[in-house]
Each structure stands twice: as structure tokens, then as C-alpha cells.
Protein backbone atom coordinates (compact mmCIF):
# COMPACT_ATOMS: atom_id res chain seq x y z
CA GLY A 1 -114.86 -18.45 51.37
CA THR A 2 -112.64 -15.77 49.87
CA ALA A 3 -115.16 -14.82 47.19
CA GLU A 4 -117.91 -14.63 49.79
CA MET A 5 -115.82 -12.36 52.02
CA SER A 6 -114.90 -10.16 49.06
CA ALA A 7 -118.56 -9.85 48.07
CA ALA A 8 -119.52 -8.91 51.64
CA GLN A 9 -116.82 -6.22 51.73
CA ARG A 10 -118.01 -4.76 48.42
CA ALA A 11 -121.60 -4.77 49.63
CA SER A 12 -120.60 -3.02 52.85
CA ALA A 13 -118.65 -0.39 50.93
CA ALA A 14 -121.64 0.18 48.65
CA VAL A 15 -123.92 0.74 51.65
CA VAL A 16 -121.49 3.27 53.13
CA MET A 17 -121.16 5.09 49.78
CA ALA A 18 -124.95 5.26 49.47
CA LEU A 19 -125.63 6.46 53.02
CA ALA A 20 -122.79 8.96 53.49
CA PRO A 21 -124.46 11.64 51.30
CA VAL A 22 -127.73 11.11 53.19
CA CYS A 23 -125.82 11.67 56.42
CA VAL A 24 -124.33 14.90 55.05
CA GLU A 25 -127.79 16.14 54.08
CA ARG A 26 -129.22 15.29 57.51
CA PHE A 27 -126.31 17.07 59.18
CA GLN A 28 -126.81 20.17 57.03
CA ARG A 29 -130.56 20.29 57.75
CA ALA A 30 -130.15 19.91 61.51
CA PRO A 31 -130.62 22.87 63.85
CA GLU A 32 -127.44 24.78 64.68
CA VAL A 33 -125.61 23.47 61.62
CA SER A 34 -122.97 26.21 61.82
CA ALA A 35 -122.09 25.40 65.43
CA ASN A 36 -122.06 21.66 64.69
CA LEU A 37 -119.83 22.13 61.65
CA ALA A 38 -117.42 24.27 63.66
CA ALA A 39 -117.31 21.62 66.42
CA LEU A 40 -116.76 18.88 63.83
CA LYS A 41 -113.87 20.73 62.19
CA LYS A 42 -112.39 21.54 65.61
CA ALA A 43 -112.30 17.83 66.56
CA ASP A 44 -109.32 15.75 65.51
CA SER A 45 -109.81 13.42 62.56
CA TRP A 46 -110.05 10.39 64.85
CA SER A 47 -112.98 11.91 66.76
CA GLN A 48 -114.95 13.37 63.86
CA GLY A 49 -116.69 10.09 63.03
CA ASP A 50 -117.68 9.67 66.68
CA PHE A 51 -119.07 13.22 66.71
CA VAL A 52 -121.27 12.48 63.68
CA GLU A 53 -122.34 9.11 65.06
CA LYS A 54 -123.29 10.57 68.46
CA GLY A 55 -125.23 13.34 66.72
CA GLY A 56 -127.41 10.67 65.11
CA TRP A 57 -126.84 11.90 61.56
CA ALA A 58 -125.26 8.62 60.42
CA THR A 59 -128.20 6.48 61.47
CA ALA A 60 -130.23 5.35 58.48
CA PRO A 61 -133.50 7.18 57.86
CA GLY A 62 -136.21 5.61 59.98
CA GLY A 63 -133.98 5.60 63.04
CA LYS A 64 -132.77 2.01 62.76
CA ALA A 65 -129.09 1.60 63.59
CA SER A 66 -127.13 -0.79 61.41
CA ASP A 67 -123.75 -2.45 61.46
CA HIS A 68 -122.55 0.27 59.08
CA VAL A 69 -123.20 3.30 61.30
CA SER A 70 -119.57 3.82 62.31
CA ALA A 71 -118.32 3.53 58.74
CA VAL A 72 -121.05 5.86 57.48
CA ALA A 73 -120.22 8.34 60.23
CA LYS A 74 -116.54 8.37 59.29
CA ALA A 75 -117.31 8.83 55.59
CA CYS A 76 -119.84 11.54 56.41
CA ALA A 77 -117.36 13.36 58.65
CA THR A 78 -114.75 13.24 55.90
CA LEU A 79 -117.19 14.76 53.41
CA LEU A 80 -118.29 17.47 55.85
CA ALA A 81 -114.78 18.39 56.95
CA ALA A 82 -113.67 18.74 53.34
CA ALA A 83 -116.55 21.07 52.46
């Protein structure tokens, strides 16, 4: 049970680490990137992930939402805000 849960957590973290850079690229290629980046940086850290998620940039290519969208959005927002 514990090993299975640990493996699932590692797999989830790997998915987030793989998709966060894709999210950043999608964000940067979107129209009005400057305005979006300003709005992202203006939002508090708790809301930045929600902003990215609502913008659709954290959704995996192909438009299919996954269980990891919120985690990807938070990681993506962190990367974007630090840039």
C-alpha cells in the first residue's frame, strides 16, 4: 500500500514536471502575452495557478483535461512569475 502510494506520487510529480514547461510555452505563444503576464504577476500567489488554469494553458496539448491540471497550472505560474 505504501509503496504503491509512493509510486503514484512520484508518477504524478513527473507528469507535472513534464507538462509545466509546455504550459509556459503555450502561455508565451498566446495572444496578448504581455497583458497576461502582467495580470499573472499582479495576482497574489494563491490565485496565479487559477489564472493559468482558467486561461487554458495548463491543459495538456490536444485539449484533454487531466487530474494534474491544477498542479501543472501552479507549477507553470511559478515558472512564469519567476521569469
